[in-house]
C-alpha atoms as a PDB file:
ATOM      1  CA  MET A   1     -13.454  27.289   3.156  1.00  0.00           C
ATOM      2  CA  ALA A   2     -13.890  24.673   0.417  1.00  0.00           C
ATOM      3  CA  ALA A   3     -10.600  23.115   1.388  1.00  0.00           C
ATOM      4  CA  VAL A   4     -11.537  23.032   5.098  1.00  0.00           C
ATOM      5  CA  THR A   5     -14.915  21.385   4.168  1.00  0.00           C
ATOM      6  CA  MET A   6     -13.155  18.803   2.118  1.00  0.00           C
ATOM      7  CA  ARG A   7     -10.715  17.987   4.921  1.00  0.00           C
ATOM      8  CA  LEU A   8     -13.560  17.721   7.489  1.00  0.00           C
ATOM      9  CA  SER A   9     -15.273  15.208   5.267  1.00  0.00           C
ATOM     10  CA  GLU A  10     -12.092  13.038   5.526  1.00  0.00           C
ATOM     11  CA  ILE A  11     -11.974  12.874   9.321  1.00  0.00           C
ATOM     12  CA  GLY A  12     -13.745   9.533   9.378  1.00  0.00           C
ATOM     13  CA  GLN A  13     -11.124   7.967   7.044  1.00  0.00           C
ATOM     14  CA  GLN A  14      -8.299   9.449   9.137  1.00  0.00           C
ATOM     15  CA  LEU A  15      -9.931   8.252  12.280  1.00  0.00           C
ATOM     16  CA  ARG A  16     -10.236   4.649  11.097  1.00  0.00           C
ATOM     17  CA  ALA A  17      -6.630   4.531   9.942  1.00  0.00           C
ATOM     18  CA  PHE A  18      -5.286   5.959  13.190  1.00  0.00           C
ATOM     19  CA  ARG A  19      -7.514   3.725  15.239  1.00  0.00           C
ATOM     20  CA  LEU A  20      -5.875   0.713  13.472  1.00  0.00           C
ATOM     21  CA  GLU A  21      -2.459   2.304  14.006  1.00  0.00           C
ATOM     22  CA  SER A  22      -3.082   2.647  17.700  1.00  0.00           C
ATOM     23  CA  GLY A  23      -3.876  -1.039  18.139  1.00  0.00           C
ATOM     24  CA  MET A  24      -6.875  -0.265  20.360  1.00  0.00           C
ATOM     25  CA  ARG A  25     -10.244  -1.895  19.866  1.00  0.00           C
ATOM     26  CA  ALA A  26     -13.162   0.195  18.696  1.00  0.00           C
ATOM     27  CA  ASP A  27     -15.058  -0.405  21.959  1.00  0.00           C
ATOM     28  CA  GLU A  28     -12.002   0.650  23.989  1.00  0.00           C
ATOM     29  CA  ILE A  29     -11.755   3.971  22.195  1.00  0.00           C
ATOM     30  CA  ALA A  30     -15.551   4.577  22.489  1.00  0.00           C
ATOM     31  CA  ALA A  31     -15.367   3.878  26.208  1.00  0.00           C
ATOM     32  CA  ARG A  32     -12.596   6.338  26.789  1.00  0.00           C
ATOM     33  CA  LEU A  33     -14.524   8.937  24.788  1.00  0.00           C
ATOM     34  CA  GLY A  34     -17.728   8.292  26.600  1.00  0.00           C
ATOM     35  CA  VAL A  35     -19.705   7.356  23.418  1.00  0.00           C
ATOM     36  CA  SER A  36     -21.053   4.135  22.081  1.00  0.00           C
ATOM     37  CA  ARG A  37     -19.179   1.944  19.683  1.00  0.00           C
ATOM     38  CA  ALA A  38     -21.913   2.596  17.139  1.00  0.00           C
ATOM     39  CA  ALA A  39     -21.260   6.346  17.445  1.00  0.00           C
ATOM     40  CA  LEU A  40     -17.530   5.779  16.816  1.00  0.00           C
ATOM     41  CA  TYR A  41     -18.306   3.786  13.734  1.00  0.00           C
ATOM     42  CA  ARG A  42     -20.634   6.561  12.541  1.00  0.00           C
ATOM     43  CA  TYR A  43     -17.745   9.030  12.919  1.00  0.00           C
ATOM     44  CA  GLU A  44     -15.593   6.775  10.801  1.00  0.00           C
ATOM     45  CA  LYS A  45     -18.296   6.774   8.146  1.00  0.00           C
ATOM     46  CA  GLY A  46     -18.166  10.571   7.879  1.00  0.00           C
ATOM     47  CA  GLU A  47     -20.839  11.711  10.339  1.00  0.00           C
ATOM     48  CA  VAL A  48     -20.436  15.222  11.607  1.00  0.00           C
ATOM     49  CA  ILE A  49     -18.085  15.306  14.597  1.00  0.00           C
ATOM     50  CA  LYS A  50     -17.589  18.197  17.061  1.00  0.00           C
ATOM     51  CA  LEU A  51     -14.169  19.822  17.205  1.00  0.00           C
ATOM     52  CA  ASP A  52     -13.798  19.136  20.905  1.00  0.00           C
ATOM     53  CA  THR A  53     -14.363  15.398  20.096  1.00  0.00           C
ATOM     54  CA  VAL A  54     -11.595  15.724  17.462  1.00  0.00           C
ATOM     55  CA  GLN A  55      -9.338  17.167  20.089  1.00  0.00           C
ATOM     56  CA  ARG A  56     -10.022  14.340  22.492  1.00  0.00           C
ATOM     57  CA  LEU A  57      -9.613  11.701  19.774  1.00  0.00           C
ATOM     58  CA  ALA A  58      -6.257  13.195  18.780  1.00  0.00           C
ATOM     59  CA  GLU A  59      -5.017  12.993  22.345  1.00  0.00           C
ATOM     60  CA  LEU A  60      -6.242   9.429  22.685  1.00  0.00           C
ATOM     61  CA  LEU A  61      -4.712   8.336  19.367  1.00  0.00           C
ATOM     62  CA  LYS A  62      -1.512  10.302  20.044  1.00  0.00           C
ATOM     63  CA  VAL A  63      -1.622  12.438  16.855  1.00  0.00           C
ATOM     64  CA  SER A  64      -2.095  16.155  16.443  1.00  0.00           C
ATOM     65  CA  PRO A  65      -5.639  17.502  15.751  1.00  0.00           C
ATOM     66  CA  LEU A  66      -4.423  18.978  12.540  1.00  0.00           C
ATOM     67  CA  THR A  67      -3.254  15.595  11.343  1.00  0.00           C
ATOM     68  CA  LEU A  68      -6.649  14.131  12.222  1.00  0.00           C
ATOM     69  CA  LEU A  69      -8.266  16.884  10.227  1.00  0.00           C
ATOM     70  CA  GLY A  70      -6.132  15.909   7.179  1.00  0.00           C
ATOM     71  CA  ILE A  71      -3.636  18.771   7.455  1.00  0.00           C
ATOM     72  CA  GLY A  72       0.059  17.853   7.762  1.00  0.00           C
ATOM     73  CA  VAL A  73       1.940  14.613   7.612  1.00  0.00           C
ATOM     74  CA  GLU A  74       0.543  11.257   8.651  1.00  0.00           C
ATOM     75  CA  TYR A  75       2.806   8.590  10.053  1.00  0.00           C
ATOM     76  CA  TYR A  76       2.074   4.884  10.365  1.00  0.00           C
ATOM     77  CA  SER A  77       4.149   2.270  11.975  1.00  0.00           C
ATOM     78  CA  ARG A  78       1.887  -0.751  11.358  1.00  0.00           C
ATOM     79  CA  PRO A  79       1.289  -2.322   7.903  1.00  0.00           C
ATOM     80  CA  LEU A  80      -2.438  -2.665   8.723  1.00  0.00           C
ATOM     81  CA  SER A  81      -3.007   1.033   9.220  1.00  0.00           C
ATOM     82  CA  PHE A  82      -0.853   2.046   6.284  1.00  0.00           C
ATOM     83  CA  PHE A  83      -2.622  -0.234   3.878  1.00  0.00           C
ATOM     84  CA  GLU A  84      -6.000   0.987   5.124  1.00  0.00           C
ATOM     85  CA  ARG A  85      -4.938   4.511   4.489  1.00  0.00           C
ATOM     86  CA  ALA A  86      -3.600   3.598   1.047  1.00  0.00           C
ATOM     87  CA  ARG A  87      -7.017   2.058   0.310  1.00  0.00           C
ATOM     88  CA  GLN A  88      -8.790   5.212   1.235  1.00  0.00           C
ATOM     89  CA  VAL A  89      -6.566   7.378  -1.018  1.00  0.00           C
ATOM     90  CA  GLU A  90      -6.740   4.986  -3.855  1.00  0.00           C
ATOM     91  CA  GLU A  91     -10.504   5.145  -3.770  1.00  0.00           C
ATOM     92  CA  GLU A  92     -10.167   8.769  -4.910  1.00  0.00           C
ATOM     93  CA  ALA A  93      -7.202   8.459  -7.192  1.00  0.00           C
ATOM     94  CA  ASP A  94      -7.425   8.794 -10.992  1.00  0.00           C
ATOM     95  CA  GLN A  95      -3.695   8.157 -11.526  1.00  0.00           C
ATOM     96  CA  ILE A  96      -1.054   6.283  -9.552  1.00  0.00           C
ATOM     97  CA  LEU A  97       2.706   6.720 -10.059  1.00  0.00           C
ATOM     98  CA  GLN A  98       4.615   4.032  -8.171  1.00  0.00           C
ATOM     99  CA  ILE A  99       8.133   2.892  -7.399  1.00  0.00           C
ATOM    100  CA  ALA A 100       7.064  -0.489  -6.252  1.00  0.00           C
ATOM    101  CA  ASP A 101       7.985  -3.792  -4.593  1.00  0.00           C
ATOM    102  CA  PRO A 102       9.051  -6.570  -7.002  1.00  0.00           C
ATOM    103  CA  VAL A 103       5.346  -6.530  -7.998  1.00  0.00           C
ATOM    104  CA  ALA A 104       2.574  -4.033  -7.945  1.00  0.00           C
ATOM    105  CA  TYR A 105      -0.057  -5.504  -5.605  1.00  0.00           C
ATOM    106  CA  LEU A 106      -3.127  -4.111  -7.249  1.00  0.00           C
ATOM    107  CA  VAL A 107      -2.447  -6.191 -10.421  1.00  0.00           C
ATOM    108  CA  THR A 108      -1.112  -9.386  -8.818  1.00  0.00           C
ATOM    109  CA  SER A 109      -2.957 -12.672  -9.398  1.00  0.00           C
ATOM    110  CA  GLN A 110      -5.389 -14.656  -7.241  1.00  0.00           C
ATOM    111  CA  ASP A 111      -2.637 -17.243  -6.766  1.00  0.00           C
ATOM    112  CA  TYR A 112      -0.517 -14.556  -5.201  1.00  0.00           C
ATOM    113  CA  ASP A 113      -3.301 -13.681  -2.787  1.00  0.00           C
ATOM    114  CA  ARG A 114      -3.957 -17.308  -1.872  1.00  0.00           C
ATOM    115  CA  LEU A 115      -0.269 -17.919  -1.113  1.00  0.00           C
ATOM    116  CA  LEU A 116       0.084 -14.770   0.971  1.00  0.00           C
ATOM    117  CA  SER A 117      -3.054 -15.544   2.861  1.00  0.00           C
ATOM    118  CA  ARG A 118      -1.910 -19.077   3.646  1.00  0.00           C
ATOM    119  CA  ALA A 119       1.514 -17.881   4.723  1.00  0.00           C
ATOM    120  CA  ILE A 120       0.133 -15.109   7.003  1.00  0.00           C
ATOM    121  CA  LEU A 121      -2.526 -17.264   8.632  1.00  0.00           C
ATOM    122  CA  GLU A 122      -0.017 -20.087   9.318  1.00  0.00           C
ATOM    123  CA  GLN A 123       2.578 -17.780  10.743  1.00  0.00           C
ATOM    124  CA  THR A 124       0.534 -15.405  12.962  1.00  0.00           C
ATOM    125  CA  ASP A 125      -0.707 -15.938  16.496  1.00  0.00           C
ATOM    126  CA  ASP A 126      -3.336 -13.235  16.034  1.00  0.00           C
ATOM    127  CA  ALA A 127      -5.955 -14.515  13.666  1.00  0.00           C
ATOM    128  CA  GLN A 128      -8.123 -11.415  13.986  1.00  0.00           C
ATOM    129  CA  LEU A 129      -5.187  -9.132  12.954  1.00  0.00           C
ATOM    130  CA  ALA A 130      -4.377 -11.354  10.037  1.00  0.00           C
ATOM    131  CA  GLU A 131      -8.014 -11.408   8.839  1.00  0.00           C
ATOM    132  CA  GLN A 132      -8.146  -7.596   9.180  1.00  0.00           C
ATOM    133  CA  HIS A 133      -4.942  -7.251   7.196  1.00  0.00           C
ATOM    134  CA  LEU A 134      -6.028  -9.580   4.391  1.00  0.00           C
ATOM    135  CA  ALA A 135      -9.540  -7.981   4.142  1.00  0.00           C
ATOM    136  CA  ILE A 136      -7.909  -4.542   3.626  1.00  0.00           C
ATOM    137  CA  LEU A 137      -5.704  -5.897   0.886  1.00  0.00           C
ATOM    138  CA  THR A 138      -8.693  -7.519  -0.795  1.00  0.00           C
ATOM    139  CA  ALA A 139     -10.696  -4.228  -0.576  1.00  0.00           C
ATOM    140  CA  ARG A 140      -7.709  -2.391  -2.326  1.00  0.00           C
ATOM    141  CA  LYS A 141      -7.671  -4.769  -5.135  1.00  0.00           C
ATOM    142  CA  GLU A 142     -11.466  -4.705  -5.587  1.00  0.00           C
ATOM    143  CA  CYS A 143     -11.364  -0.879  -5.619  1.00  0.00           C
ATOM    144  CA  TYR A 144      -8.827  -1.028  -8.449  1.00  0.00           C
ATOM    145  CA  ARG A 145     -10.871  -3.542 -10.321  1.00  0.00           C
ATOM    146  CA  VAL A 146     -13.944  -1.290 -10.244  1.00  0.00           C
ATOM    147  CA  ARG A 147     -12.281   2.150 -10.780  1.00  0.00           C
ATOM    148  CA  ARG A 148      -9.251   1.308 -12.955  1.00  0.00           C
ATOM    149  CA  PRO A 149      -7.108   4.396 -12.313  1.00  0.00           C
ATOM    150  CA  THR A 150      -4.225   4.741 -14.680  1.00  0.00           C
ATOM    151  CA  MET A 151      -0.981   3.256 -13.234  1.00  0.00           C
ATOM    152  CA  ILE A 152       2.721   3.782 -14.073  1.00  0.00           C
ATOM    153  CA  ILE A 153       4.902   1.354 -12.180  1.00  0.00           C
ATOM    154  CA  MET A 154       8.668   1.132 -11.946  1.00  0.00           C
ATOM    155  CA  LEU A 155      10.195  -2.077 -10.662  1.00  0.00           C
ATOM    156  CA  SER A 156      13.777  -2.568  -9.360  1.00  0.00           C
ATOM    157  CA  GLU A 157      15.835  -5.256 -11.076  1.00  0.00           C
ATOM    158  CA  PRO A 158      17.864  -6.217  -7.900  1.00  0.00           C
ATOM    159  CA  THR A 159      14.572  -6.407  -5.888  1.00  0.00           C
ATOM    160  CA  ILE A 160      13.112  -8.813  -8.528  1.00  0.00           C
ATOM    161  CA  GLU A 161      16.177 -10.998  -8.369  1.00  0.00           C
ATOM    162  CA  ARG A 162      15.734 -11.407  -4.591  1.00  0.00           C
ATOM    163  CA  PHE A 163      11.949 -11.966  -5.115  1.00  0.00           C
ATOM    164  CA  LEU A 164      12.611 -14.776  -7.536  1.00  0.00           C
ATOM    165  CA  THR A 165      15.263 -16.304  -5.224  1.00  0.00           C
ATOM    166  CA  ARG A 166      13.330 -16.060  -2.000  1.00  0.00           C
ATOM    167  CA  GLY A 167       9.757 -16.015  -3.133  1.00  0.00           C
ATOM    168  CA  VAL A 168       6.584 -14.251  -2.037  1.00  0.00           C
ATOM    169  CA  GLY A 169       6.688 -13.243   1.638  1.00  0.00           C
ATOM    170  CA  GLU A 170      10.432 -13.497   2.009  1.00  0.00           C
ATOM    171  CA  ALA A 171      10.337 -12.238   5.637  1.00  0.00           C
ATOM    172  CA  ILE A 172       7.437 -14.566   6.648  1.00  0.00           C
ATOM    173  CA  THR A 173       8.440 -17.849   8.363  1.00  0.00           C
ATOM    174  CA  MET A 174       7.268 -20.793   6.138  1.00  0.00           C
ATOM    175  CA  SER A 175       7.678 -24.575   5.846  1.00  0.00           C
ATOM    176  CA  ASP A 176      10.132 -25.711   3.111  1.00  0.00           C
ATOM    177  CA  GLU A 177       7.151 -26.901   1.064  1.00  0.00           C
ATOM    178  CA  LEU A 178       5.410 -23.533   1.220  1.00  0.00           C
ATOM    179  CA  ARG A 179       8.691 -21.647   0.494  1.00  0.00           C
ATOM    180  CA  ILE A 180       9.056 -23.668  -2.737  1.00  0.00           C
ATOM    181  CA  GLU A 181       5.524 -22.683  -3.604  1.00  0.00           C
ATOM    182  CA  ALA A 182       6.182 -19.159  -2.781  1.00  0.00           C
ATOM    183  CA  ARG A 183       9.128 -19.084  -5.250  1.00  0.00           C
ATOM    184  CA  ARG A 184       6.972 -20.663  -7.951  1.00  0.00           C
ATOM    185  CA  ILE A 185       4.293 -18.041  -7.492  1.00  0.00           C
ATOM    186  CA  ALA A 186       7.012 -15.302  -7.592  1.00  0.00           C
ATOM    187  CA  ALA A 187       8.145 -16.616 -10.929  1.00  0.00           C
ATOM    188  CA  GLN A 188       4.480 -16.732 -12.208  1.00  0.00           C
ATOM    189  CA  GLU A 189       3.971 -13.060 -11.088  1.00  0.00           C
ATOM    190  CA  ILE A 190       6.992 -11.891 -13.090  1.00  0.00           C
ATOM    191  CA  GLU A 191       5.717 -13.854 -16.145  1.00  0.00           C
ATOM    192  CA  ASN A 192       2.370 -12.110 -15.677  1.00  0.00           C
ATOM    193  CA  ILE A 193       4.159  -8.717 -15.697  1.00  0.00           C
ATOM    194  CA  ILE A 194       6.046  -9.658 -18.915  1.00  0.00           C
ATOM    195  CA  GLU A 195       2.579 -10.485 -20.495  1.00  0.00           C
ATOM    196  CA  MET A 196       1.221  -7.144 -19.364  1.00  0.00           C
ATOM    197  CA  ILE A 197       4.190  -5.245 -20.706  1.00  0.00           C
ATOM    198  CA  GLU A 198       3.848  -6.958 -24.108  1.00  0.00           C
ATOM    199  CA  ALA A 199       0.049  -6.545 -24.252  1.00  0.00           C
ATOM    200  CA  GLU A 200       0.259  -2.793 -23.521  1.00  0.00           C
ATOM    201  CA  PRO A 201      -3.215  -2.599 -21.785  1.00  0.00           C
ATOM    202  CA  ILE A 202      -4.671   0.872 -21.741  1.00  0.00           C
ATOM    203  CA  GLY A 203      -3.842   2.771 -18.561  1.00  0.00           C
ATOM    204  CA  LEU A 204      -1.173   0.403 -17.218  1.00  0.00           C
ATOM    205  CA  GLN A 205       2.633   0.836 -17.906  1.00  0.00           C
ATOM    206  CA  PHE A 206       5.615  -0.994 -16.384  1.00  0.00           C
ATOM    207  CA  SER A 207       9.281  -0.145 -16.576  1.00  0.00           C
ATOM    208  CA  LEU A 208      12.426  -1.647 -15.082  1.00  0.00           C
ATOM    209  CA  LEU A 209      15.013   0.185 -12.964  1.00  0.00           C
ATOM    210  CA  SER A 210      18.326  -1.512 -13.661  1.00  0.00           C
ATOM    211  CA  ASP A 211      21.044  -1.432 -11.044  1.00  0.00           C
ATOM    212  CA  ILE A 212      19.022   0.764  -8.782  1.00  0.00           C
ATOM    213  CA  ASP A 213      18.353  -1.033  -5.411  1.00  0.00           C
ATOM    214  CA  ASN A 214      18.061   1.718  -2.848  1.00  0.00           C
ATOM    215  CA  THR A 215      15.224   3.781  -4.334  1.00  0.00           C
ATOM    216  CA  THR A 216      12.510   4.428  -1.721  1.00  0.00           C
ATOM    217  CA  ASN A 217       9.189   2.688  -2.410  1.00  0.00           C
ATOM    218  CA  CYS A 218       6.649   5.473  -2.891  1.00  0.00           C
ATOM    219  CA  MET A 219       3.382   6.232  -4.519  1.00  0.00           C
ATOM    220  CA  LEU A 220       1.948   9.465  -5.979  1.00  0.00           C
ATOM    221  CA  MET A 221      -1.811   9.324  -6.110  1.00  0.00           C
ATOM    222  CA  ARG A 222      -3.520  12.019  -8.152  1.00  0.00           C
ATOM    223  CA  GLY A 223      -7.207  12.709  -7.403  1.00  0.00           C
ATOM    224  CA  ARG A 224      -9.573  15.367  -8.550  1.00  0.00           C
ATOM    225  CA  GLU A 225      -8.773  17.631  -5.603  1.00  0.00           C
ATOM    226  CA  ARG A 226      -5.150  17.046  -4.838  1.00  0.00           C
ATOM    227  CA  MET A 227      -2.175  14.684  -5.096  1.00  0.00           C
ATOM    228  CA  MET A 228      -1.116  12.575  -2.197  1.00  0.00           C
ATOM    229  CA  LEU A 229       2.404  11.086  -1.521  1.00  0.00           C
ATOM    230  CA  ALA A 230       2.901   7.858   0.353  1.00  0.00           C
ATOM    231  CA  ILE A 231       6.395   6.675   1.303  1.00  0.00           C
ATOM    232  CA  ASN A 232       6.205   3.076   2.395  1.00  0.00           C
ATOM    233  CA  PRO A 233       8.688   0.655   3.992  1.00  0.00           C
ATOM    234  CA  PHE A 234       6.161  -2.078   4.102  1.00  0.00           C
ATOM    235  CA  ARG A 235       6.128  -4.597   1.169  1.00  0.00           C
ATOM    236  CA  CYS A 236       2.709  -5.805   0.075  1.00  0.00           C
ATOM    237  CA  ASP A 237       3.776  -9.393   1.030  1.00  0.00           C
ATOM    238  CA  THR A 238       4.776  -8.442   4.549  1.00  0.00           C
ATOM    239  CA  SER A 239       3.472  -9.905   7.866  1.00  0.00           C
ATOM    240  CA  PRO A 240       0.806  -7.883   9.624  1.00  0.00           C
ATOM    241  CA  SER A 241       3.092  -7.746  12.679  1.00  0.00           C
ATOM    242  CA  ALA A 242       6.088  -6.434  10.724  1.00  0.00           C
ATOM    243  CA  THR A 243       7.923  -3.574  12.356  1.00  0.00           C
ATOM    244  CA  THR A 244      10.217  -2.603   9.473  1.00  0.00           C
ATOM    245  CA  GLY A 245       9.821   1.119   9.573  1.00  0.00           C
ATOM    246  CA  VAL A 246       7.470   4.085   9.473  1.00  0.00           C
ATOM    247  CA  SER A 247       5.424   5.100   6.499  1.00  0.00           C
ATOM    248  CA  LEU A 248       4.133   8.529   5.824  1.00  0.00           C
ATOM    249  CA  VAL A 249       1.301  10.103   3.828  1.00  0.00           C
ATOM    250  CA  THR A 250       1.130  13.719   2.925  1.00  0.00           C
ATOM    251  CA  SER A 251      -0.271  16.239   0.393  1.00  0.00           C
ATOM    252  CA  ALA A 252       2.367  18.820   1.195  1.00  0.00           C
ATOM    253  CA  PRO A 253       3.246  20.484  -2.198  1.00  0.00           C
ATOM    254  CA  GLU A 254       7.024  20.514  -1.437  1.00  0.00           C
ATOM    255  CA  ALA A 255       7.042  16.794  -0.700  1.00  0.00           C
ATOM    256  CA  VAL A 256       4.797  15.864  -3.620  1.00  0.00           C
ATOM    257  CA  ASN A 257       6.695  18.043  -6.068  1.00  0.00           C
ATOM    258  CA  ALA A 258      10.108  16.698  -5.019  1.00  0.00           C
ATOM    259  CA  HIS A 259       9.089  13.056  -5.369  1.00  0.00           C
ATOM    260  CA  GLN A 260       7.310  13.794  -8.665  1.00  0.00           C
ATOM    261  CA  ARG A 261      10.564  15.211 -10.146  1.00  0.00           C
ATOM    262  CA  VAL A 262      12.487  12.106  -9.039  1.00  0.00           C
ATOM    263  CA  ILE A 263       9.869   9.704 -10.377  1.00  0.00           C
ATOM    264  CA  GLU A 264       9.683  11.450 -13.735  1.00  0.00           C
ATOM    265  CA  ALA A 265      13.489  11.425 -13.986  1.00  0.00           C
ATOM    266  CA  LEU A 266      13.635   7.713 -13.108  1.00  0.00           C
ATOM    267  CA  TRP A 267      10.878   6.886 -15.605  1.00  0.00           C
ATOM    268  CA  ARG A 268      12.806   8.579 -18.470  1.00  0.00           C
ATOM    269  CA  GLU A 269      15.946   6.513 -17.600  1.00  0.00           C
ATOM    270  CA  SER A 270      14.114   3.255 -16.960  1.00  0.00           C
ATOM    271  CA  ILE A 271      13.954   0.307 -19.369  1.00  0.00           C
ATOM    272  CA  LYS A 272      10.582  -0.022 -21.097  1.00  0.00           C
ATOM    273  CA  GLY A 273       8.682  -2.110 -23.615  1.00  0.00           C
ATOM    274  CA  ARG A 274      10.242  -5.168 -25.256  1.00  0.00           C
ATOM    275  CA  TYR A 275      13.628  -4.376 -23.759  1.00  0.00           C
ATOM    276  CA  ALA A 276      12.109  -4.590 -20.278  1.00  0.00           C
ATOM    277  CA  ALA A 277      10.338  -7.758 -21.150  1.00  0.00           C
ATOM    278  CA  GLU A 278      13.586  -9.317 -22.434  1.00  0.00           C
ATOM    279  CA  GLN A 279      15.494  -8.282 -19.242  1.00  0.00           C
ATOM    280  CA  LEU A 280      12.817  -9.828 -17.055  1.00  0.00           C
ATOM    281  CA  ARG A 281      12.895 -13.092 -19.080  1.00  0.00           C
ATOM    282  CA  GLY A 282      16.652 -13.205 -18.484  1.00  0.00           C
ATOM    283  CA  LEU A 283      16.075 -12.821 -14.705  1.00  0.00           C
ATOM    284  CA  LEU A 284      13.530 -15.626 -14.802  1.00  0.00           C
ATOM    285  CA  ALA A 285      15.990 -17.883 -16.589  1.00  0.00           C
ATOM    286  CA  GLN A 286      18.660 -17.165 -13.955  1.00  0.00           C
ATOM    287  CA  HIS A 287      16.710 -17.206 -10.791  1.00  0.00           C
ATOM    288  CA  ALA A 288      13.293 -18.797 -11.137  1.00  0.00           C
ATOM    289  CA  ILE A 289      12.234 -22.116  -9.712  1.00  0.00           C
ATOM    290  CA  ARG A 290       9.927 -24.175 -11.906  1.00  0.00           C
END
């Protein structure tokens, strides 16, 4: 019963993430349900919701009722909805194990955020979508700043090489001037990672995966109640309108345990400490623009 109660309390979070995934506006969903938009927002904040309303919402959002109740596997095809779901899980996480993009978004700089915001706002035709997307990223970083879960992050050397060559937001259309700035910020972010590796801050560890380019980006987020797995094709510097794949989130023990074994094996084999810092400096010397 405790597990069921816990899952019922998460319906609001699930509902918001799947609403964003659907692309429908809150007032549109509320109208189809026959409730006010204020009532829908109250559901998203965790107000008690009837099971028949859960059933109708599931049909409307094209997910199973069990998924909406937090049981089973969640799938997201939009960066906006996946990043929102990641934000929700990160709010409860005490530890994050991550095979990441060329950087780990939660510890990137303000310059990174400014460049990404400018690139997205200049490229998109949907300002509201862009603002939602950027607001969710900002909320994720603020949550990390306040809570400071421990983080273990593994970065891929070939991915970093591409990052330094192409810059932040490699798939976003930019002017030549902004692309040069994107490459400069990319080099700055790798320099920041080197500084963090050498400073060895409590609760934050980086390592480098050499000659491994096809490892799936994933996060294991351990909370007090359970561990969640997120497999993610969306880079943190992607466009809100990207359609590069389907992400999934699950707490299924078989999925969590299998990925944990792989992550732990990769961590043991990865380059750490001053050796990782030296390797990154070599990549900067080869590929960075100044």
